Amino acid sequence: MEILNKILDISWQAFLMTTHQIVGYFAGVFIFGILLYLLARFTRNMFAKSFGDRSEIIITAWIGTPVHELGHAFFCILFGHSIKRISLFRPNAKDGTLGYVEHSYDPRNIYHLTGNFFIGAGPVFFGSAIILGLLYFLLPDGKVIISQFRANSAALLISDSSFYELWNVLQINTREVFSQLAKSGNFSMWQFWVFLYVSMAVSAHIELSPPDIFGMLKGLLVIVVLFFLINVIYVVFFGQSQNFINKGIPVFSYFNQVFVLALIFSFLNFLISFILGNLWSLIRNQSLVNPFTR
C-alpha cells in the first residue's frame, strides 16, 4: 500500500508540473491563435458583405496567405516532414481555400509526431516573426519595443515564471506597443504606413484554422507524454516541484508578447473594415452590416 501511495504521489506531482509547463509553453499559442481566427473570420465576413467575395483577396490575402503557408512549410522542413505539394497563393472559389501545404511523415517517428504541433501553429510563429522583422527595420522606435520584449523575458528567466508575472508582462508590453505606435512623428513617415499595412495583412491570415488545431493536438499529445515522463524522473531523483523544463517558459513568453502585437494589428484590420464597410453599405444600401454572421 505504501508503494502504491508513493507511485500516486509521484504521478500527481508530475501531473501538476506537466500541466503548469504545457500551459506556460503553449496556452498563448492556442489563445492568440483562436482570437486571431475569430477576428479574421469577422473581417472576412465584413469584406464579403460590403465589397464582395474577392475584396479581401485583393486587399490582404495576396500578402497574408503566402506568409501563412510558408509558416507551415518552414516547420515541415524543420521537423523532417516531406512536402508533397505546396501552393503559396491559389484562391479557390469552390472550397474557399487560398493556398495549401500537403505533407507526409513517419507516424512511428517521435520527432515527426512532435512536429505536428509546430507545423499546425507555424503560421502564428512565422507571421509573428515577420511582423517583428518589419518592426525592427521599418520603425525608428521598433528597436525600443523589441528591447522591452527581451528585458521582460530576461527578467522571467530569473523568476519562477508564474502566470501572474506572465500576465503582467503582456499588459506592460501592450501599453508599450500602443505608446510607441501612437507617436505623432510616425504618421509622417512612409515606413510607418508600409509597416502598418503589411502587418495588418499578415495578421489577418496567420490565425489557427480548425484543421491547424487538429494537427497541433496530435503533436501536443506526444509533447505532454514526454514532459510527464521527464517530470516523473525528476521527481524521483530530485524531489522538487520544478525542473529545467520550466526554464523554457520565458522563451515562449517572448513569442506571446509578439502575438499580442499581431492581435493588435488584426483588430485594427477588423476595425477599419467595419467602419469603411458600414459606411459603404449605408451609402449603397442604407443598411448596416453584421460581421458576426455569415
C-alpha atoms as a PDB file:
ATOM      1  CA  MET A   1       0.000   0.000   0.000  1.00  0.00           C
ATOM      2  CA  GLU A   2       2.869   2.335   0.823  1.00  0.00           C
ATOM      3  CA  ILE A   3       4.426   1.705  -2.581  1.00  0.00           C
ATOM      4  CA  LEU A   4       1.109   2.453  -4.308  1.00  0.00           C
ATOM      5  CA  ASN A   5       0.738   5.718  -2.383  1.00  0.00           C
ATOM      6  CA  LYS A   6       4.287   6.663  -3.348  1.00  0.00           C
ATOM      7  CA  ILE A   7       3.568   5.974  -7.017  1.00  0.00           C
ATOM      8  CA  LEU A   8       0.361   8.002  -6.858  1.00  0.00           C
ATOM      9  CA  ASP A   9       2.159  10.885  -5.137  1.00  0.00           C
ATOM     10  CA  ILE A  10       4.940  10.916  -7.746  1.00  0.00           C
ATOM     11  CA  SER A  11       2.396  10.740 -10.567  1.00  0.00           C
ATOM     12  CA  TRP A  12       0.373  13.594  -9.074  1.00  0.00           C
ATOM     13  CA  GLN A  13       3.424  15.830  -8.689  1.00  0.00           C
ATOM     14  CA  ALA A  14       4.483  15.036 -12.246  1.00  0.00           C
ATOM     15  CA  PHE A  15       0.952  15.762 -13.482  1.00  0.00           C
ATOM     16  CA  LEU A  16       0.883  19.184 -11.772  1.00  0.00           C
ATOM     17  CA  MET A  17       4.312  20.043 -13.151  1.00  0.00           C
ATOM     18  CA  THR A  18       3.312  18.943 -16.653  1.00  0.00           C
ATOM     19  CA  THR A  19       0.099  20.978 -16.541  1.00  0.00           C
ATOM     20  CA  HIS A  20       1.995  24.100 -15.464  1.00  0.00           C
ATOM     21  CA  GLN A  21       4.567  23.616 -18.196  1.00  0.00           C
ATOM     22  CA  ILE A  22       2.111  22.904 -21.006  1.00  0.00           C
ATOM     23  CA  VAL A  23       0.033  25.955 -20.112  1.00  0.00           C
ATOM     24  CA  GLY A  24       3.158  28.109 -19.757  1.00  0.00           C
ATOM     25  CA  TYR A  25       4.579  26.971 -23.070  1.00  0.00           C
ATOM     26  CA  PHE A  26       1.569  26.612 -25.316  1.00  0.00           C
ATOM     27  CA  ALA A  27      -1.542  28.296 -23.883  1.00  0.00           C
ATOM     28  CA  GLY A  28      -0.602  31.565 -25.572  1.00  0.00           C
ATOM     29  CA  VAL A  29      -0.366  29.905 -28.970  1.00  0.00           C
ATOM     30  CA  PHE A  30      -3.883  28.488 -28.678  1.00  0.00           C
ATOM     31  CA  ILE A  31      -5.444  31.592 -27.096  1.00  0.00           C
ATOM     32  CA  PHE A  32      -3.974  34.109 -29.520  1.00  0.00           C
ATOM     33  CA  GLY A  33      -4.364  31.751 -32.473  1.00  0.00           C
ATOM     34  CA  ILE A  34      -8.080  31.325 -31.784  1.00  0.00           C
ATOM     35  CA  LEU A  35      -8.586  35.053 -31.183  1.00  0.00           C
ATOM     36  CA  LEU A  36      -6.824  35.762 -34.470  1.00  0.00           C
ATOM     37  CA  TYR A  37      -9.078  33.210 -36.154  1.00  0.00           C
ATOM     38  CA  LEU A  38     -12.234  34.896 -34.830  1.00  0.00           C
ATOM     39  CA  LEU A  39     -11.050  38.363 -35.847  1.00  0.00           C
ATOM     40  CA  ALA A  40     -10.058  37.085 -39.295  1.00  0.00           C
ATOM     41  CA  ARG A  41     -13.444  35.404 -39.738  1.00  0.00           C
ATOM     42  CA  PHE A  42     -15.348  38.553 -38.760  1.00  0.00           C
ATOM     43  CA  THR A  43     -13.151  40.677 -41.043  1.00  0.00           C
ATOM     44  CA  ARG A  44     -13.732  38.325 -43.990  1.00  0.00           C
ATOM     45  CA  ASN A  45     -17.487  38.478 -43.392  1.00  0.00           C
ATOM     46  CA  MET A  46     -17.248  42.249 -43.354  1.00  0.00           C
ATOM     47  CA  PHE A  47     -15.297  42.407 -46.610  1.00  0.00           C
ATOM     48  CA  ALA A  48     -17.555  39.888 -48.364  1.00  0.00           C
ATOM     49  CA  LYS A  49     -20.824  41.543 -47.323  1.00  0.00           C
ATOM     50  CA  SER A  50     -19.643  45.086 -48.027  1.00  0.00           C
ATOM     51  CA  PHE A  51     -17.310  44.885 -51.007  1.00  0.00           C
ATOM     52  CA  GLY A  52     -17.735  41.383 -52.478  1.00  0.00           C
ATOM     53  CA  ASP A  53     -16.184  37.948 -52.021  1.00  0.00           C
ATOM     54  CA  ARG A  54     -12.896  38.766 -53.749  1.00  0.00           C
ATOM     55  CA  SER A  55     -12.252  42.064 -51.982  1.00  0.00           C
ATOM     56  CA  GLU A  56     -10.224  40.519 -49.171  1.00  0.00           C
ATOM     57  CA  ILE A  57      -8.038  38.683 -51.699  1.00  0.00           C
ATOM     58  CA  ILE A  58      -7.177  41.972 -53.354  1.00  0.00           C
ATOM     59  CA  ILE A  59      -6.644  43.871 -50.100  1.00  0.00           C
ATOM     60  CA  THR A  60      -4.805  41.497 -47.729  1.00  0.00           C
ATOM     61  CA  ALA A  61      -4.742  37.839 -48.811  1.00  0.00           C
ATOM     62  CA  TRP A  62      -2.110  38.256 -51.520  1.00  0.00           C
ATOM     63  CA  ILE A  63       0.368  39.109 -48.742  1.00  0.00           C
ATOM     64  CA  GLY A  64      -1.045  37.204 -45.784  1.00  0.00           C
ATOM     65  CA  THR A  65      -1.700  33.843 -47.429  1.00  0.00           C
ATOM     66  CA  PRO A  66       1.890  33.186 -48.625  1.00  0.00           C
ATOM     67  CA  VAL A  67       3.128  34.021 -45.111  1.00  0.00           C
ATOM     68  CA  HIS A  68       0.595  31.581 -43.662  1.00  0.00           C
ATOM     69  CA  GLU A  69       1.645  28.745 -45.972  1.00  0.00           C
ATOM     70  CA  LEU A  70       5.348  29.469 -45.551  1.00  0.00           C
ATOM     71  CA  GLY A  71       4.806  29.107 -41.803  1.00  0.00           C
ATOM     72  CA  HIS A  72       3.523  25.568 -42.343  1.00  0.00           C
ATOM     73  CA  ALA A  73       6.279  24.747 -44.833  1.00  0.00           C
ATOM     74  CA  PHE A  74       9.095  26.088 -42.635  1.00  0.00           C
ATOM     75  CA  PHE A  75       8.212  23.769 -39.761  1.00  0.00           C
ATOM     76  CA  CYS A  76       7.617  20.860 -42.143  1.00  0.00           C
ATOM     77  CA  ILE A  77      11.248  21.184 -43.190  1.00  0.00           C
ATOM     78  CA  LEU A  78      12.456  21.755 -39.623  1.00  0.00           C
ATOM     79  CA  PHE A  79      10.773  18.588 -38.336  1.00  0.00           C
ATOM     80  CA  GLY A  80      11.659  16.384 -41.296  1.00  0.00           C
ATOM     81  CA  HIS A  81       8.218  16.110 -42.908  1.00  0.00           C
ATOM     82  CA  SER A  82       8.109  15.553 -46.659  1.00  0.00           C
ATOM     83  CA  ILE A  83       6.321  18.326 -48.548  1.00  0.00           C
ATOM     84  CA  LYS A  84       4.305  16.679 -51.314  1.00  0.00           C
ATOM     85  CA  ARG A  85       2.630  19.754 -52.784  1.00  0.00           C
ATOM     86  CA  ILE A  86       2.633  23.437 -51.925  1.00  0.00           C
ATOM     87  CA  SER A  87       0.810  26.475 -53.247  1.00  0.00           C
ATOM     88  CA  LEU A  88       1.562  29.762 -51.544  1.00  0.00           C
ATOM     89  CA  PHE A  89      -1.353  31.592 -53.138  1.00  0.00           C
ATOM     90  CA  ARG A  90      -4.031  29.996 -55.278  1.00  0.00           C
ATOM     91  CA  PRO A  91      -7.557  31.191 -54.410  1.00  0.00           C
ATOM     92  CA  ASN A  92     -10.194  28.518 -54.980  1.00  0.00           C
ATOM     93  CA  ALA A  93     -13.733  29.854 -55.174  1.00  0.00           C
ATOM     94  CA  LYS A  94     -15.246  26.368 -54.792  1.00  0.00           C
ATOM     95  CA  ASP A  95     -13.833  25.431 -51.398  1.00  0.00           C
ATOM     96  CA  GLY A  96     -12.666  28.865 -50.233  1.00  0.00           C
ATOM     97  CA  THR A  97      -9.016  27.891 -49.837  1.00  0.00           C
ATOM     98  CA  LEU A  98      -6.341  30.444 -50.666  1.00  0.00           C
ATOM     99  CA  GLY A  99      -3.274  28.191 -50.530  1.00  0.00           C
ATOM    100  CA  TYR A 100      -2.120  24.869 -49.132  1.00  0.00           C
ATOM    101  CA  VAL A 101       0.778  22.724 -47.974  1.00  0.00           C
ATOM    102  CA  GLU A 102       0.415  18.941 -48.275  1.00  0.00           C
ATOM    103  CA  HIS A 103       2.973  16.960 -46.294  1.00  0.00           C
ATOM    104  CA  SER A 104       3.643  13.423 -45.080  1.00  0.00           C
ATOM    105  CA  TYR A 105       5.652  11.907 -42.227  1.00  0.00           C
ATOM    106  CA  ASP A 106       6.557   8.685 -40.489  1.00  0.00           C
ATOM    107  CA  PRO A 107       3.928   8.082 -37.745  1.00  0.00           C
ATOM    108  CA  ARG A 108       6.461   5.935 -35.850  1.00  0.00           C
ATOM    109  CA  ASN A 109       8.939   8.809 -35.584  1.00  0.00           C
ATOM    110  CA  ILE A 110       8.504  10.752 -32.313  1.00  0.00           C
ATOM    111  CA  TYR A 111      10.288  13.796 -33.753  1.00  0.00           C
ATOM    112  CA  HIS A 112       7.910  13.827 -36.732  1.00  0.00           C
ATOM    113  CA  LEU A 113       4.901  13.403 -34.445  1.00  0.00           C
ATOM    114  CA  THR A 114       6.044  16.262 -32.207  1.00  0.00           C
ATOM    115  CA  GLY A 115       6.468  18.415 -35.298  1.00  0.00           C
ATOM    116  CA  ASN A 116       2.725  18.242 -35.986  1.00  0.00           C
ATOM    117  CA  PHE A 117       2.173  20.752 -33.201  1.00  0.00           C
ATOM    118  CA  PHE A 118       4.616  23.294 -34.581  1.00  0.00           C
ATOM    119  CA  ILE A 119       3.548  22.739 -38.197  1.00  0.00           C
ATOM    120  CA  GLY A 120      -0.058  23.480 -37.245  1.00  0.00           C
ATOM    121  CA  ALA A 121       0.996  26.550 -35.264  1.00  0.00           C
ATOM    122  CA  GLY A 122       3.569  27.544 -37.894  1.00  0.00           C
ATOM    123  CA  PRO A 123       1.624  30.490 -39.363  1.00  0.00           C
ATOM    124  CA  VAL A 124       1.318  32.133 -35.936  1.00  0.00           C
ATOM    125  CA  PHE A 125       5.029  31.770 -35.164  1.00  0.00           C
ATOM    126  CA  PHE A 126       6.236  32.606 -38.676  1.00  0.00           C
ATOM    127  CA  GLY A 127       3.822  35.503 -39.198  1.00  0.00           C
ATOM    128  CA  SER A 128       4.721  36.994 -35.834  1.00  0.00           C
ATOM    129  CA  ALA A 129       8.404  36.750 -36.751  1.00  0.00           C
ATOM    130  CA  ILE A 130       7.682  38.642 -39.988  1.00  0.00           C
ATOM    131  CA  ILE A 131       5.922  41.391 -38.019  1.00  0.00           C
ATOM    132  CA  LEU A 132       8.853  41.519 -35.610  1.00  0.00           C
ATOM    133  CA  GLY A 133      11.242  41.949 -38.547  1.00  0.00           C
ATOM    134  CA  LEU A 134       9.110  44.733 -40.019  1.00  0.00           C
ATOM    135  CA  LEU A 135       9.068  46.407 -36.622  1.00  0.00           C
ATOM    136  CA  TYR A 136      12.847  46.245 -36.386  1.00  0.00           C
ATOM    137  CA  PHE A 137      13.647  47.505 -39.886  1.00  0.00           C
ATOM    138  CA  LEU A 138      10.839  49.979 -40.629  1.00  0.00           C
ATOM    139  CA  LEU A 139      10.125  51.812 -37.377  1.00  0.00           C
ATOM    140  CA  PRO A 140      12.706  54.014 -35.624  1.00  0.00           C
ATOM    141  CA  ASP A 141      11.206  53.063 -32.252  1.00  0.00           C
ATOM    142  CA  GLY A 142      10.752  49.428 -33.197  1.00  0.00           C
ATOM    143  CA  LYS A 143      14.025  48.523 -31.523  1.00  0.00           C
ATOM    144  CA  VAL A 144      12.701  50.040 -28.290  1.00  0.00           C
ATOM    145  CA  ILE A 145       9.712  47.702 -28.320  1.00  0.00           C
ATOM    146  CA  ILE A 146      11.890  44.691 -29.122  1.00  0.00           C
ATOM    147  CA  SER A 147      14.295  45.624 -26.331  1.00  0.00           C
ATOM    148  CA  GLN A 148      11.358  45.744 -23.950  1.00  0.00           C
ATOM    149  CA  PHE A 149      10.348  42.257 -25.047  1.00  0.00           C
ATOM    150  CA  ARG A 150      13.859  40.974 -24.383  1.00  0.00           C
ATOM    151  CA  ALA A 151      14.116  42.701 -20.995  1.00  0.00           C
ATOM    152  CA  ASN A 152      10.860  41.207 -19.788  1.00  0.00           C
ATOM    153  CA  SER A 153      11.795  37.726 -20.979  1.00  0.00           C
ATOM    154  CA  ALA A 154      15.208  38.032 -19.294  1.00  0.00           C
ATOM    155  CA  ALA A 155      13.509  39.047 -16.040  1.00  0.00           C
ATOM    156  CA  LEU A 156      11.289  35.987 -16.230  1.00  0.00           C
ATOM    157  CA  LEU A 157      14.333  33.738 -16.598  1.00  0.00           C
ATOM    158  CA  ILE A 158      15.407  34.541 -13.024  1.00  0.00           C
ATOM    159  CA  SER A 159      11.885  34.335 -11.597  1.00  0.00           C
ATOM    160  CA  ASP A 160       9.514  31.421 -11.108  1.00  0.00           C
ATOM    161  CA  SER A 161       7.670  32.299 -14.335  1.00  0.00           C
ATOM    162  CA  SER A 162       4.294  32.432 -12.582  1.00  0.00           C
ATOM    163  CA  PHE A 163       1.165  33.059 -14.613  1.00  0.00           C
ATOM    164  CA  TYR A 164       0.685  36.338 -12.731  1.00  0.00           C
ATOM    165  CA  GLU A 165       4.102  37.552 -13.885  1.00  0.00           C
ATOM    166  CA  LEU A 166       3.461  36.409 -17.459  1.00  0.00           C
ATOM    167  CA  TRP A 167       0.144  38.291 -17.469  1.00  0.00           C
ATOM    168  CA  ASN A 168       1.852  41.442 -16.168  1.00  0.00           C
ATOM    169  CA  VAL A 169       4.432  41.186 -18.930  1.00  0.00           C
ATOM    170  CA  LEU A 170       1.704  41.073 -21.586  1.00  0.00           C
ATOM    171  CA  GLN A 171      -0.084  44.075 -20.061  1.00  0.00           C
ATOM    172  CA  ILE A 172       3.087  46.143 -19.847  1.00  0.00           C
ATOM    173  CA  ASN A 173       4.071  45.394 -23.416  1.00  0.00           C
ATOM    174  CA  THR A 174       0.603  46.106 -24.794  1.00  0.00           C
ATOM    175  CA  ARG A 175       0.792  49.586 -23.293  1.00  0.00           C
ATOM    176  CA  GLU A 176       4.353  49.975 -24.575  1.00  0.00           C
ATOM    177  CA  VAL A 177       3.363  48.984 -28.107  1.00  0.00           C
ATOM    178  CA  PHE A 178       0.460  51.426 -28.193  1.00  0.00           C
ATOM    179  CA  SER A 179       2.550  54.289 -26.812  1.00  0.00           C
ATOM    180  CA  GLN A 180       5.303  53.729 -29.377  1.00  0.00           C
ATOM    181  CA  LEU A 181       2.979  53.267 -32.360  1.00  0.00           C
ATOM    182  CA  ALA A 182       0.826  56.281 -31.465  1.00  0.00           C
ATOM    183  CA  LYS A 183       3.714  58.753 -31.544  1.00  0.00           C
ATOM    184  CA  SER A 184       2.788  61.656 -33.797  1.00  0.00           C
ATOM    185  CA  GLY A 185       6.079  61.539 -35.678  1.00  0.00           C
ATOM    186  CA  ASN A 186       5.238  58.088 -37.059  1.00  0.00           C
ATOM    187  CA  PHE A 187       2.312  59.347 -39.130  1.00  0.00           C
ATOM    188  CA  SER A 188       4.546  61.456 -41.366  1.00  0.00           C
ATOM    189  CA  MET A 189       6.790  58.524 -42.289  1.00  0.00           C
ATOM    190  CA  TRP A 190       6.087  56.292 -45.294  1.00  0.00           C
ATOM    191  CA  GLN A 191       7.842  53.449 -43.496  1.00  0.00           C
ATOM    192  CA  PHE A 192       5.180  53.536 -40.776  1.00  0.00           C
ATOM    193  CA  TRP A 193       2.329  53.167 -43.274  1.00  0.00           C
ATOM    194  CA  VAL A 194       4.085  50.306 -45.074  1.00  0.00           C
ATOM    195  CA  PHE A 195       4.691  48.624 -41.733  1.00  0.00           C
ATOM    196  CA  LEU A 196       1.062  49.142 -40.682  1.00  0.00           C
ATOM    197  CA  TYR A 197      -0.422  47.815 -43.929  1.00  0.00           C
ATOM    198  CA  VAL A 198       1.814  44.748 -44.262  1.00  0.00           C
ATOM    199  CA  SER A 199       1.453  43.927 -40.553  1.00  0.00           C
ATOM    200  CA  MET A 200      -2.340  44.073 -40.795  1.00  0.00           C
ATOM    201  CA  ALA A 201      -2.315  41.936 -43.953  1.00  0.00           C
ATOM    202  CA  VAL A 202      -0.077  39.327 -42.321  1.00  0.00           C
ATOM    203  CA  SER A 203      -2.053  39.346 -39.050  1.00  0.00           C
ATOM    204  CA  ALA A 204      -5.283  38.807 -40.961  1.00  0.00           C
ATOM    205  CA  HIS A 205      -4.074  35.429 -42.248  1.00  0.00           C
ATOM    206  CA  ILE A 206      -1.912  33.793 -39.571  1.00  0.00           C
ATOM    207  CA  GLU A 207      -4.793  32.508 -37.478  1.00  0.00           C
ATOM    208  CA  LEU A 208      -5.270  28.906 -36.410  1.00  0.00           C
ATOM    209  CA  SER A 209      -7.920  27.226 -38.532  1.00  0.00           C
ATOM    210  CA  PRO A 210      -9.792  24.146 -37.214  1.00  0.00           C
ATOM    211  CA  PRO A 211      -7.590  21.780 -39.331  1.00  0.00           C
ATOM    212  CA  ASP A 212      -4.490  23.513 -37.935  1.00  0.00           C
ATOM    213  CA  ILE A 213      -5.701  22.992 -34.364  1.00  0.00           C
ATOM    214  CA  PHE A 214      -6.475  19.323 -35.076  1.00  0.00           C
ATOM    215  CA  GLY A 215      -2.938  18.806 -36.371  1.00  0.00           C
ATOM    216  CA  MET A 216      -1.488  20.613 -33.356  1.00  0.00           C
ATOM    217  CA  LEU A 217      -3.343  18.379 -30.907  1.00  0.00           C
ATOM    218  CA  LYS A 218      -1.733  15.275 -32.416  1.00  0.00           C
ATOM    219  CA  GLY A 219       1.700  16.730 -31.734  1.00  0.00           C
ATOM    220  CA  LEU A 220       0.709  18.153 -28.350  1.00  0.00           C
ATOM    221  CA  LEU A 221      -0.225  14.687 -27.076  1.00  0.00           C
ATOM    222  CA  VAL A 222       3.315  13.474 -27.736  1.00  0.00           C
ATOM    223  CA  ILE A 223       4.778  16.546 -26.010  1.00  0.00           C
ATOM    224  CA  VAL A 224       2.548  16.029 -22.955  1.00  0.00           C
ATOM    225  CA  VAL A 225       3.671  12.402 -22.615  1.00  0.00           C
ATOM    226  CA  LEU A 226       7.352  13.341 -22.963  1.00  0.00           C
ATOM    227  CA  PHE A 227       7.058  16.147 -20.398  1.00  0.00           C
ATOM    228  CA  PHE A 228       5.245  13.832 -17.975  1.00  0.00           C
ATOM    229  CA  LEU A 229       7.907  11.125 -18.230  1.00  0.00           C
ATOM    230  CA  ILE A 230      10.709  13.649 -17.723  1.00  0.00           C
ATOM    231  CA  ASN A 231       8.873  15.092 -14.708  1.00  0.00           C
ATOM    232  CA  VAL A 232       8.423  11.635 -13.183  1.00  0.00           C
ATOM    233  CA  ILE A 233      12.170  11.026 -13.464  1.00  0.00           C
ATOM    234  CA  TYR A 234      12.883  14.444 -11.998  1.00  0.00           C
ATOM    235  CA  VAL A 235      10.541  13.937  -9.015  1.00  0.00           C
ATOM    236  CA  VAL A 236      12.004  10.502  -8.277  1.00  0.00           C
ATOM    237  CA  PHE A 237      15.634  11.647  -8.308  1.00  0.00           C
ATOM    238  CA  PHE A 238      15.406  15.262  -7.169  1.00  0.00           C
ATOM    239  CA  GLY A 239      12.110  15.504  -5.278  1.00  0.00           C
ATOM    240  CA  GLN A 240      11.478  19.087  -6.338  1.00  0.00           C
ATOM    241  CA  SER A 241       8.340  20.689  -7.677  1.00  0.00           C
ATOM    242  CA  GLN A 242      10.083  22.383 -10.612  1.00  0.00           C
ATOM    243  CA  ASN A 243      12.777  21.422 -13.061  1.00  0.00           C
ATOM    244  CA  PHE A 244      14.795  22.568 -16.052  1.00  0.00           C
ATOM    245  CA  ILE A 245      11.809  22.351 -18.432  1.00  0.00           C
ATOM    246  CA  ASN A 246      10.362  25.437 -16.714  1.00  0.00           C
ATOM    247  CA  LYS A 247      13.323  27.500 -17.883  1.00  0.00           C
ATOM    248  CA  GLY A 248      11.969  27.448 -21.421  1.00  0.00           C
ATOM    249  CA  ILE A 249       8.676  29.110 -20.474  1.00  0.00           C
ATOM    250  CA  PRO A 250      10.109  32.671 -20.616  1.00  0.00           C
ATOM    251  CA  VAL A 251      11.301  31.960 -24.170  1.00  0.00           C
ATOM    252  CA  PHE A 252       7.716  31.281 -25.187  1.00  0.00           C
ATOM    253  CA  SER A 253       6.602  34.336 -23.215  1.00  0.00           C
ATOM    254  CA  TYR A 254       8.665  36.308 -25.731  1.00  0.00           C
ATOM    255  CA  PHE A 255       6.540  34.847 -28.516  1.00  0.00           C
ATOM    256  CA  ASN A 256       3.396  35.660 -26.535  1.00  0.00           C
ATOM    257  CA  GLN A 257       4.439  39.297 -26.468  1.00  0.00           C
ATOM    258  CA  VAL A 258       4.767  39.271 -30.248  1.00  0.00           C
ATOM    259  CA  PHE A 259       1.396  37.503 -30.541  1.00  0.00           C
ATOM    260  CA  VAL A 260      -0.127  40.489 -28.736  1.00  0.00           C
ATOM    261  CA  LEU A 261       1.353  42.686 -31.439  1.00  0.00           C
ATOM    262  CA  ALA A 262      -0.237  40.523 -34.158  1.00  0.00           C
ATOM    263  CA  LEU A 263      -3.555  40.603 -32.308  1.00  0.00           C
ATOM    264  CA  ILE A 264      -3.462  44.397 -32.173  1.00  0.00           C
ATOM    265  CA  PHE A 265      -2.946  44.635 -35.929  1.00  0.00           C
ATOM    266  CA  SER A 266      -5.622  42.044 -36.625  1.00  0.00           C
ATOM    267  CA  PHE A 267      -8.063  44.065 -34.518  1.00  0.00           C
ATOM    268  CA  LEU A 268      -7.093  47.262 -36.363  1.00  0.00           C
ATOM    269  CA  ASN A 269      -7.747  45.484 -39.649  1.00  0.00           C
ATOM    270  CA  PHE A 270     -11.183  44.415 -38.428  1.00  0.00           C
ATOM    271  CA  LEU A 271     -11.966  47.887 -37.085  1.00  0.00           C
ATOM    272  CA  ILE A 272     -11.042  49.591 -40.361  1.00  0.00           C
ATOM    273  CA  SER A 273     -13.044  47.073 -42.386  1.00  0.00           C
ATOM    274  CA  PHE A 274     -16.006  47.504 -40.028  1.00  0.00           C
ATOM    275  CA  ILE A 275     -16.020  51.301 -40.325  1.00  0.00           C
ATOM    276  CA  LEU A 276     -15.404  51.502 -44.076  1.00  0.00           C
ATOM    277  CA  GLY A 277     -17.705  48.575 -44.843  1.00  0.00           C
ATOM    278  CA  ASN A 278     -20.612  50.055 -42.929  1.00  0.00           C
ATOM    279  CA  LEU A 279     -20.076  53.496 -44.435  1.00  0.00           C
ATOM    280  CA  TRP A 280     -20.164  51.959 -47.922  1.00  0.00           C
ATOM    281  CA  SER A 281     -23.203  49.860 -47.051  1.00  0.00           C
ATOM    282  CA  LEU A 282     -25.052  52.889 -45.704  1.00  0.00           C
ATOM    283  CA  ILE A 283     -24.353  54.818 -48.891  1.00  0.00           C
ATOM    284  CA  ARG A 284     -25.244  51.941 -51.222  1.00  0.00           C
ATOM    285  CA  ASN A 285     -27.943  50.000 -49.332  1.00  0.00           C
ATOM    286  CA  GLN A 286     -28.986  52.298 -46.490  1.00  0.00           C
ATOM    287  CA  SER A 287     -28.267  49.493 -44.018  1.00  0.00           C
ATOM    288  CA  LEU A 288     -25.559  48.322 -41.626  1.00  0.00           C
ATOM    289  CA  VAL A 289     -23.545  45.122 -41.984  1.00  0.00           C
ATOM    290  CA  ASN A 290     -23.345  42.481 -39.278  1.00  0.00           C
ATOM    291  CA  PRO A 291     -19.864  40.858 -39.453  1.00  0.00           C
ATOM    292  CA  PHE A 292     -20.629  38.250 -36.800  1.00  0.00           C
ATOM    293  CA  THR A 293     -22.847  36.116 -39.031  1.00  0.00           C
ATOM    294  CA  ARG A 294     -22.229  34.709 -42.490  1.00  0.00           C
END
